[in-house]
Amino acid sequence: MKGVDMRDPLAHKTAAVLMLATVGVALGTLGTTAKPRSEAVAVNVVSRPECPMDSLDIVPKDSSPAGTPGQLPLSGPITNIPEFHDCQRFIRGKAYDSLYAIFAAFRLPWLNLFLDSMQLRDSIKRLPPGTPTRFVAVGAATVYSYGGTYKPLGIQPGFNCLYLYSPPQWRAKLVPSGPLNDKCDPVADIRNANGLDLDVHPSAIAGGLTAADYAPVARWDFAQGTQYISIKCGAAWCEIGPRGFTGSQRYAGASPKWDYTITGVPTPAELHRILSVKGWHDAQFLSTGTRPGPAWGTLIPHPRLGIFDAVAQFDNRWVQVAAAVVDRGSYKFGLSRRPTMIYLCRTNAAANGCPGVPPAAKPCPAEAGFLWWGKLESGAGRPPQYRCVTRRDHSGALIPPIPGVTRWRWKPHDEVIWMRCAFGCCELS
């Protein structure tokens, strides 16, 4: 087994989780093939944070003995943490299509270990004996379509399984599983998978980056009229789409002016990856309220966003967490080509201690007696804007550390902003 780079804080925190994940493999709990299984799952309509509407939202209840209600088998404990996943209405022409969600696998940070390690492969007792290495595939993500069909990626209504195999060049296949069957196998013989073969464009970014510098997340991306998948794949970033597709361009806008007073100076890798590696930042066409608009918006995390582990670090002071840029025109919050800097602050609900928040500002629901606020400082010199923030706490769950990433949250009438905030997720509306 390849070692974990303990010099990286994310790798250090996830080492124990990796050992637990490995134990699960050794016990032979993984599936055998990529064929949809016969048993169905109960479906409940509840609120999901990564998708925009409760009425369009489902949570599968895994009916297997080892399953956990409310968790997708591949995603496990990160199922409900939106920073790892993505959810959007796809763009067709100049209009929105159906809603599609992609959920990153829990083991995505160690995807290559499942294929590179003979010890792990041999422990998967249910795979056919002697399965050639080149046909051993790993479940990288679960795709859910809320009723739509997207032929370029082979997505059918309901659940679909994304498999990756044959590194380091990587190959991919998307396998429909059915409206009620969320059972994507963690490891499968790709020869038994009935789905669509997809092109994979892996990018290993120059500049001394390691596998830990690629965020373990899954995103939708868009270029030349085509939606496609963007996801971590070992020590690289993979763009996955239909045969002959071309991916979107890397961020080439203005560099944000970061404040390191609280965080300390970032390492060269931390500074390099947030602009060069997709997944840390997020970009998409922003909604006008009824259809996709012309503005391509990019959210960029502070290079040291991931170091904040305690909510008290945000108490009664503004902590710089991200920047937002649009490539043309303007958007809400006063966003423009000049980076708008985004800050978070937490304060006691009984006495607002976040400097500058107007007394008449309407707060979001309190979290354990505390309010969260966001401040946006326009790069165009406009007065600061203050918005309430909703935080969802994930500190009590055994999960990989939430990466220091940002992403847009698509909504029918506009976009809102997701970002990591300590062991939780903050939404700025």
Protein backbone atom coordinates (compact mmCIF):
# COMPACT_ATOMS: atom_id res chain seq x y z
CA MET A 1 0.00 0.00 0.00
CA LYS A 2 1.26 3.47 -0.79
CA GLY A 3 1.94 5.66 2.21
CA VAL A 4 -0.02 8.77 3.14
CA ASP A 5 1.93 12.04 2.99
CA MET A 6 1.78 13.08 6.65
CA ARG A 7 3.27 16.49 5.85
CA ASP A 8 -0.10 17.57 4.50
CA PRO A 9 -2.69 18.49 7.19
CA LEU A 10 -5.54 16.88 5.24
CA ALA A 11 -3.60 13.64 4.84
CA HIS A 12 -2.63 13.65 8.52
CA LYS A 13 -6.24 13.95 9.66
CA THR A 14 -7.49 11.26 7.27
CA ALA A 15 -4.88 8.60 8.07
CA ALA A 16 -7.07 7.00 10.74
CA VAL A 17 -10.09 7.04 8.46
CA LEU A 18 -8.04 5.39 5.71
CA MET A 19 -7.19 2.52 8.07
CA LEU A 20 -10.88 2.08 8.86
CA ALA A 21 -11.76 2.08 5.18
CA THR A 22 -9.09 -0.54 4.53
CA VAL A 23 -10.56 -2.78 7.24
CA GLY A 24 -13.89 -2.67 5.40
CA VAL A 25 -12.20 -3.98 2.28
CA ALA A 26 -10.37 -6.74 4.10
CA LEU A 27 -13.64 -8.00 5.54
CA GLY A 28 -14.95 -8.63 2.06
CA THR A 29 -17.96 -6.33 2.32
CA LEU A 30 -17.59 -4.94 -1.19
CA GLY A 31 -19.69 -5.97 -4.16
CA THR A 32 -18.81 -8.15 -7.08
CA THR A 33 -20.00 -6.69 -10.35
CA ALA A 34 -21.37 -3.45 -11.73
CA LYS A 35 -24.77 -4.93 -12.56
CA PRO A 36 -27.74 -3.31 -10.78
CA ARG A 37 -28.80 -5.45 -7.84
CA SER A 38 -32.32 -6.79 -7.55
CA GLU A 39 -33.29 -5.32 -4.18
CA ALA A 40 -34.87 -1.87 -4.21
CA VAL A 41 -34.55 0.84 -1.61
CA ALA A 42 -37.14 2.88 0.23
CA VAL A 43 -37.16 6.51 -0.84
CA ASN A 44 -38.01 9.40 1.45
CA VAL A 45 -38.50 13.03 0.47
CA VAL A 46 -36.49 15.24 2.82
CA SER A 47 -34.34 18.35 2.74
CA ARG A 48 -30.98 17.88 1.04
CA PRO A 49 -28.46 20.71 1.35
CA GLU A 50 -26.69 20.21 -1.98
CA CYS A 51 -29.91 20.41 -4.03
CA PRO A 52 -32.20 23.41 -4.20
CA MET A 53 -35.70 22.23 -3.33
CA ASP A 54 -37.17 19.81 -0.83
CA SER A 55 -39.81 18.79 -3.39
CA LEU A 56 -37.11 17.60 -5.78
CA ASP A 57 -35.10 15.86 -3.14
CA ILE A 58 -34.77 12.23 -2.06
CA VAL A 59 -32.67 10.27 0.35
CA PRO A 60 -32.30 6.54 -0.26
CA LYS A 61 -32.64 4.14 2.61
CA ASP A 62 -30.14 1.36 2.04
CA SER A 63 -32.00 -1.91 2.58
CA SER A 64 -28.90 -4.10 2.95
CA PRO A 65 -27.93 -5.35 6.44
CA ALA A 66 -24.77 -3.21 6.40
CA GLY A 67 -26.54 -0.15 5.04
CA THR A 68 -27.22 3.09 6.88
CA PRO A 69 -30.51 4.96 6.42
CA GLY A 70 -30.02 8.26 4.63
CA GLN A 71 -26.61 7.35 3.21
CA LEU A 72 -25.61 6.37 -0.29
CA PRO A 73 -23.45 3.23 -0.19
CA LEU A 74 -20.53 4.81 -2.07
CA SER A 75 -20.61 8.10 -0.17
CA GLY A 76 -21.35 6.73 3.29
CA PRO A 77 -20.73 9.34 6.03
CA ILE A 78 -20.11 12.20 3.58
CA THR A 79 -23.50 11.76 1.85
CA ASN A 80 -24.98 14.84 3.53
CA ILE A 81 -21.96 17.16 3.29
CA PRO A 82 -22.46 19.38 0.21
CA GLU A 83 -18.84 20.46 -0.25
CA PHE A 84 -17.99 16.96 -1.51
CA HIS A 85 -20.83 16.87 -4.07
CA ASP A 86 -22.64 18.95 -6.68
CA CYS A 87 -26.21 19.45 -7.88
CA GLN A 88 -27.40 21.54 -10.83
CA ARG A 89 -29.96 21.79 -13.57
CA PHE A 90 -28.07 21.00 -16.75
CA ILE A 91 -27.95 23.62 -19.48
CA ARG A 92 -29.48 22.79 -22.85
CA GLY A 93 -29.14 25.60 -25.33
CA LYS A 94 -30.26 28.74 -23.51
CA ALA A 95 -32.53 27.03 -20.99
CA TYR A 96 -32.31 24.77 -17.96
CA ASP A 97 -32.99 21.05 -18.21
CA SER A 98 -33.64 18.53 -15.41
CA LEU A 99 -31.86 18.48 -12.07
CA TYR A 100 -28.83 16.18 -11.70
CA ALA A 101 -26.80 15.42 -8.58
CA ILE A 102 -23.36 13.82 -8.29
CA PHE A 103 -22.14 12.38 -4.99
CA ALA A 104 -18.42 11.73 -4.52
CA ALA A 105 -17.41 8.36 -3.08
CA PHE A 106 -16.20 8.27 0.52
CA ARG A 107 -13.02 6.50 -0.62
CA LEU A 108 -12.27 9.00 -3.40
CA PRO A 109 -9.09 10.27 -1.66
CA TRP A 110 -7.63 6.77 -1.89
CA LEU A 111 -9.07 5.68 -5.22
CA ASN A 112 -5.71 4.68 -6.67
CA LEU A 113 -4.91 2.52 -3.62
CA PHE A 114 -7.81 0.20 -4.44
CA LEU A 115 -6.32 -0.41 -7.87
CA ASP A 116 -2.59 -0.23 -7.11
CA SER A 117 -2.47 -2.49 -4.06
CA MET A 118 -2.41 -6.23 -4.71
CA GLN A 119 -3.21 -6.79 -1.03
CA LEU A 120 -6.48 -4.87 -1.36
CA ARG A 121 -7.44 -6.55 -4.62
CA ASP A 122 -6.80 -10.00 -3.19
CA SER A 123 -8.99 -9.20 -0.17
CA ILE A 124 -12.04 -8.63 -2.38
CA LYS A 125 -13.19 -12.22 -2.28
CA ARG A 126 -16.35 -11.75 -4.30
CA LEU A 127 -14.69 -10.65 -7.53
CA PRO A 128 -14.21 -13.55 -9.94
CA PRO A 129 -10.92 -15.33 -9.22
CA GLY A 130 -8.13 -14.16 -11.48
CA THR A 131 -9.91 -10.97 -12.59
CA PRO A 132 -7.28 -9.11 -14.66
CA THR A 133 -6.10 -5.90 -13.04
CA ARG A 134 -7.05 -3.85 -16.09
CA PHE A 135 -10.72 -4.79 -15.59
CA VAL A 136 -10.92 -3.97 -11.86
CA ALA A 137 -12.93 -0.73 -11.55
CA VAL A 138 -13.65 1.47 -8.55
CA GLY A 139 -16.93 3.24 -7.86
CA ALA A 140 -15.96 6.92 -7.86
CA ALA A 141 -19.37 8.61 -7.65
CA THR A 142 -23.13 8.11 -7.63
CA VAL A 143 -25.11 10.20 -10.11
CA TYR A 144 -28.80 10.83 -9.50
CA SER A 145 -31.17 12.18 -12.14
CA TYR A 146 -34.42 13.70 -10.93
CA GLY A 147 -36.29 12.39 -13.96
CA GLY A 148 -34.15 13.58 -16.86
CA THR A 149 -32.07 11.67 -19.41
CA TYR A 150 -28.73 13.05 -20.54
CA LYS A 151 -27.48 10.96 -23.44
CA PRO A 152 -23.97 12.52 -23.80
CA LEU A 153 -23.06 11.02 -20.39
CA GLY A 154 -25.40 8.00 -20.50
CA ILE A 155 -27.40 9.26 -17.50
CA GLN A 156 -30.82 7.64 -17.04
CA PRO A 157 -33.57 8.65 -14.55
CA GLY A 158 -32.75 7.57 -11.02
CA PHE A 159 -29.39 6.24 -9.85
CA ASN A 160 -26.29 5.84 -12.03
CA CYS A 161 -22.83 4.58 -11.06
CA LEU A 162 -19.55 6.13 -12.24
CA TYR A 163 -16.64 3.66 -12.43
CA LEU A 164 -12.97 4.49 -13.01
CA TYR A 165 -10.29 1.99 -13.92
CA SER A 166 -6.91 1.50 -15.65
CA PRO A 167 -4.80 4.28 -14.08
CA PRO A 168 -2.82 6.46 -14.62
CA GLN A 169 -4.39 7.10 -18.06
CA TRP A 170 -7.78 6.23 -16.55
CA ARG A 171 -10.90 4.98 -18.29
CA ALA A 172 -14.51 5.53 -17.20
CA LYS A 173 -17.95 4.05 -17.61
CA LEU A 174 -21.34 5.31 -16.39
CA VAL A 175 -23.75 2.49 -15.51
CA PRO A 176 -27.49 3.18 -14.98
CA SER A 177 -28.81 1.44 -11.87
CA GLY A 178 -32.51 2.34 -11.82
CA PRO A 179 -34.98 4.71 -10.13
CA LEU A 180 -34.82 3.01 -6.72
CA ASN A 181 -31.52 1.14 -6.74
CA ASP A 182 -28.67 3.09 -5.15
CA LYS A 183 -26.35 0.08 -4.94
CA CYS A 184 -23.19 1.19 -6.74
CA ASP A 185 -20.48 -1.37 -6.01
CA PRO A 186 -17.25 0.03 -4.52
CA VAL A 187 -15.23 -2.40 -6.66
CA ALA A 188 -16.42 -4.18 -9.80
CA ASP A 189 -15.35 -6.17 -12.83
CA ILE A 190 -15.92 -3.57 -15.56
CA ARG A 191 -16.60 -6.31 -18.13
CA ASN A 192 -19.95 -6.93 -16.41
CA ALA A 193 -20.95 -3.26 -16.48
CA ASN A 194 -23.69 -2.33 -18.96
CA GLY A 195 -23.25 1.38 -19.52
CA LEU A 196 -21.62 4.11 -21.60
CA ASP A 197 -17.85 4.36 -22.03
CA LEU A 198 -16.65 7.93 -21.49
CA ASP A 199 -13.49 9.83 -22.36
CA VAL A 200 -11.20 10.76 -19.47
CA HIS A 201 -8.81 13.72 -19.51
CA PRO A 202 -6.50 13.45 -16.47
CA SER A 203 -4.42 16.50 -15.55
CA ALA A 204 -1.44 16.33 -13.21
CA ILE A 205 -0.65 19.98 -12.53
CA ALA A 206 3.02 20.97 -12.52
CA GLY A 207 4.43 22.81 -9.53
CA GLY A 208 5.27 20.20 -6.90
CA LEU A 209 1.70 19.12 -6.09
CA THR A 210 0.97 15.76 -4.44
CA ALA A 211 -2.18 13.63 -4.36
CA ALA A 212 -3.35 15.56 -1.28
CA ASP A 213 -3.42 18.77 -3.36
CA TYR A 214 -6.38 17.48 -5.40
CA ALA A 215 -9.61 17.99 -3.46
CA PRO A 216 -11.60 14.73 -2.96
CA VAL A 217 -14.76 16.15 -4.52
CA ALA A 218 -17.00 15.70 -7.57
CA ARG A 219 -18.31 18.58 -9.68
CA TRP A 220 -20.37 19.23 -12.79
CA ASP A 221 -18.58 21.28 -15.43
CA PHE A 222 -19.67 22.79 -18.73
CA ALA A 223 -17.92 23.61 -22.01
CA GLN A 224 -18.98 24.06 -25.64
CA GLY A 225 -22.60 23.21 -24.89
CA THR A 226 -21.83 19.98 -23.01
CA GLN A 227 -22.14 19.10 -19.32
CA TYR A 228 -19.48 16.75 -18.03
CA ILE A 229 -17.99 15.33 -14.81
CA SER A 230 -14.97 16.79 -13.03
CA ILE A 231 -13.46 14.70 -10.20
CA LYS A 232 -10.30 13.79 -8.28
CA CYS A 233 -8.47 10.72 -9.62
CA GLY A 234 -5.41 9.89 -7.52
CA ALA A 235 -2.65 12.47 -7.95
CA ALA A 236 -4.53 14.18 -10.78
CA TRP A 237 -7.79 15.87 -11.69
CA CYS A 238 -9.99 14.04 -14.20
CA GLU A 239 -12.52 15.54 -16.58
CA ILE A 240 -14.93 12.89 -17.83
CA GLY A 241 -17.29 13.35 -20.74
CA PRO A 242 -18.58 12.05 -24.08
CA ARG A 243 -16.19 10.91 -26.78
CA GLY A 244 -14.25 13.84 -28.24
CA PHE A 245 -15.40 16.44 -25.69
CA THR A 246 -13.33 19.49 -24.74
CA GLY A 247 -13.14 20.67 -21.14
CA SER A 248 -13.53 24.20 -19.80
CA GLN A 249 -10.58 26.56 -19.48
CA ARG A 250 -8.71 27.00 -16.23
CA TYR A 251 -9.27 30.14 -14.22
CA ALA A 252 -7.41 33.03 -15.84
CA GLY A 253 -8.90 36.03 -14.04
CA ALA A 254 -7.45 38.40 -11.49
CA SER A 255 -5.74 36.94 -8.42
CA PRO A 256 -7.54 37.78 -5.15
CA LYS A 257 -5.75 39.88 -2.53
CA TRP A 258 -5.57 37.49 0.38
CA ASP A 259 -5.17 38.52 4.02
CA TYR A 260 -2.88 36.24 6.02
CA THR A 261 -3.10 38.11 9.34
CA ILE A 262 -5.19 35.38 10.97
CA THR A 263 -4.23 32.34 8.92
CA GLY A 264 -0.48 32.73 8.48
CA VAL A 265 1.28 32.58 5.12
CA PRO A 266 0.22 29.62 2.93
CA THR A 267 2.64 27.09 1.51
CA PRO A 268 3.43 27.39 -2.22
CA ALA A 269 1.25 24.32 -2.85
CA GLU A 270 -1.74 25.77 -0.96
CA LEU A 271 -1.52 28.97 -2.96
CA HIS A 272 -0.96 27.18 -6.28
CA ARG A 273 -3.73 24.59 -6.05
CA ILE A 274 -6.68 26.91 -5.35
CA LEU A 275 -6.31 28.54 -8.78
CA SER A 276 -4.73 25.72 -10.82
CA VAL A 277 -6.65 22.65 -9.64
CA LYS A 278 -10.38 22.47 -10.31
CA GLY A 279 -12.41 21.23 -7.37
CA TRP A 280 -10.92 23.72 -4.92
CA HIS A 281 -12.64 26.51 -6.82
CA ASP A 282 -15.99 26.24 -8.61
CA ALA A 283 -17.19 27.90 -11.82
CA GLN A 284 -20.45 27.95 -13.76
CA PHE A 285 -22.85 30.15 -15.71
CA LEU A 286 -24.92 32.03 -13.14
CA SER A 287 -28.72 32.06 -13.20
CA THR A 288 -30.65 35.17 -14.23
CA GLY A 289 -33.73 33.93 -12.38
CA THR A 290 -35.33 31.96 -15.21
CA ARG A 291 -32.44 30.77 -17.38
CA PRO A 292 -28.64 30.62 -17.51
CA GLY A 293 -27.13 34.08 -17.79
CA PRO A 294 -24.03 35.24 -19.67
CA ALA A 295 -21.89 35.67 -16.54
CA TRP A 296 -19.40 32.88 -15.79
CA GLY A 297 -18.85 33.03 -12.04
CA THR A 298 -15.88 31.59 -10.16
CA LEU A 299 -15.65 31.01 -6.40
CA ILE A 300 -12.12 30.69 -5.00
CA PRO A 301 -11.36 29.56 -1.43
CA HIS A 302 -8.83 31.26 0.79
CA PRO A 303 -5.64 29.14 0.46
CA ARG A 304 -5.78 28.34 4.19
CA LEU A 305 -9.53 27.89 4.58
CA GLY A 306 -8.98 24.29 5.69
CA ILE A 307 -7.04 25.18 8.84
CA PHE A 308 -10.08 26.45 10.77
CA ASP A 309 -11.32 23.56 12.92
CA ALA A 310 -13.07 25.45 15.76
CA VAL A 311 -16.10 27.71 15.38
CA ALA A 312 -14.66 29.98 18.10
CA GLN A 313 -11.97 31.03 15.61
CA PHE A 314 -14.72 33.09 13.90
CA ASP A 315 -16.04 34.74 17.07
CA ASN A 316 -16.65 38.51 16.83
CA ARG A 317 -14.18 39.08 14.01
CA TRP A 318 -14.22 38.91 10.24
CA VAL A 319 -12.26 35.97 8.86
CA GLN A 320 -11.47 36.06 5.13
CA VAL A 321 -12.65 32.79 3.58
CA ALA A 322 -13.11 33.18 -0.19
CA ALA A 323 -13.30 35.40 -3.27
CA ALA A 324 -15.86 35.61 -6.08
CA VAL A 325 -15.30 36.78 -9.66
CA VAL A 326 -17.50 37.05 -12.76
CA ASP A 327 -15.91 37.26 -16.19
CA ARG A 328 -18.37 39.73 -17.72
CA GLY A 329 -20.96 42.25 -16.59
CA SER A 330 -21.97 42.10 -12.95
CA TYR A 331 -24.03 39.90 -10.67
CA LYS A 332 -25.70 40.12 -7.26
CA PHE A 333 -23.48 40.98 -4.30
CA GLY A 334 -21.81 43.49 -6.65
CA LEU A 335 -19.69 40.73 -8.20
CA SER A 336 -17.50 41.82 -11.11
CA ARG A 337 -14.16 41.00 -12.74
CA ARG A 338 -12.42 42.48 -9.73
CA PRO A 339 -12.46 39.85 -6.97
CA THR A 340 -15.05 40.40 -4.26
CA MET A 341 -13.62 39.25 -0.93
CA ILE A 342 -15.88 37.17 1.35
CA TYR A 343 -15.64 37.05 5.16
CA LEU A 344 -17.42 35.10 7.92
CA CYS A 345 -18.10 36.03 11.54
CA ARG A 346 -19.89 34.27 14.42
CA THR A 347 -21.45 36.08 17.36
CA ASN A 348 -23.71 35.52 20.32
CA ALA A 349 -27.34 35.92 19.25
CA ALA A 350 -28.08 38.10 22.28
CA ALA A 351 -25.48 40.72 21.37
CA ASN A 352 -24.27 41.22 17.81
CA GLY A 353 -20.48 41.43 18.03
CA CYS A 354 -19.70 41.24 14.30
CA PRO A 355 -18.42 44.71 13.39
CA GLY A 356 -20.48 46.69 10.89
CA VAL A 357 -23.58 44.47 10.69
CA PRO A 358 -26.57 46.85 10.54
CA PRO A 359 -28.93 46.54 13.53
CA ALA A 360 -31.86 46.03 11.15
CA ALA A 361 -30.21 43.13 9.28
CA LYS A 362 -32.35 40.00 9.33
CA PRO A 363 -30.43 37.02 10.74
CA CYS A 364 -30.57 33.42 9.63
CA PRO A 365 -31.66 30.82 12.23
CA ALA A 366 -29.30 30.69 15.19
CA GLU A 367 -26.99 27.73 15.80
CA ALA A 368 -26.81 26.83 19.50
CA GLY A 369 -27.40 30.45 20.48
CA PHE A 370 -24.97 31.91 17.93
CA LEU A 371 -25.52 33.79 14.68
CA TRP A 372 -23.32 33.63 11.59
CA TRP A 373 -22.83 36.57 9.22
CA GLY A 374 -21.10 37.10 5.91
CA LYS A 375 -19.45 40.26 4.62
CA LEU A 376 -18.71 40.96 0.96
CA GLU A 377 -16.15 43.62 0.06
CA SER A 378 -16.51 44.57 -3.57
CA GLY A 379 -13.41 44.84 -5.69
CA ALA A 380 -15.14 47.71 -7.48
CA GLY A 381 -15.04 49.91 -4.37
CA ARG A 382 -18.71 49.61 -3.36
CA PRO A 383 -19.74 49.68 0.33
CA PRO A 384 -19.56 46.30 2.09
CA GLN A 385 -22.65 44.09 2.03
CA TYR A 386 -23.72 42.01 4.99
CA ARG A 387 -25.70 38.79 4.58
CA CYS A 388 -26.88 36.19 7.05
CA VAL A 389 -25.26 32.76 6.94
CA THR A 390 -26.73 29.33 7.68
CA ARG A 391 -24.28 26.81 9.13
CA ARG A 392 -24.69 23.03 9.22
CA ASP A 393 -22.51 21.32 11.78
CA HIS A 394 -20.74 18.03 10.98
CA SER A 395 -18.30 17.90 13.88
CA GLY A 396 -19.85 14.82 15.48
CA ALA A 397 -19.51 12.52 12.47
CA LEU A 398 -16.59 10.21 11.66
CA ILE A 399 -15.78 11.61 8.26
CA PRO A 400 -12.76 12.67 6.27
CA PRO A 401 -11.97 16.32 7.03
CA ILE A 402 -14.16 18.64 5.00
CA PRO A 403 -11.77 20.09 2.39
CA GLY A 404 -11.24 23.84 2.27
CA VAL A 405 -13.30 24.28 -0.90
CA THR A 406 -16.04 26.58 -2.14
CA ARG A 407 -18.91 25.90 -4.54
CA TRP A 408 -22.01 27.50 -5.96
CA ARG A 409 -25.37 26.20 -4.82
CA TRP A 410 -27.72 26.33 -7.77
CA LYS A 411 -31.20 27.67 -7.07
CA PRO A 412 -34.06 28.36 -9.49
CA HIS A 413 -33.87 32.13 -9.12
CA ASP A 414 -30.21 32.83 -8.28
CA GLU A 415 -27.06 31.28 -6.87
CA VAL A 416 -25.89 31.10 -3.27
CA ILE A 417 -22.46 30.25 -1.91
CA TRP A 418 -21.25 27.18 -0.01
CA MET A 419 -17.93 27.09 1.85
CA ARG A 420 -16.23 25.15 4.60
CA CYS A 421 -16.42 26.74 8.06
CA ALA A 422 -14.66 24.70 10.75
CA PHE A 423 -16.14 21.17 10.88
CA GLY A 424 -19.26 22.33 9.12
CA CYS A 425 -20.68 23.98 5.98
CA CYS A 426 -21.76 27.59 5.65
CA GLU A 427 -24.30 28.89 3.13
CA LEU A 428 -24.27 32.59 2.28
CA SER A 429 -27.50 33.66 0.61
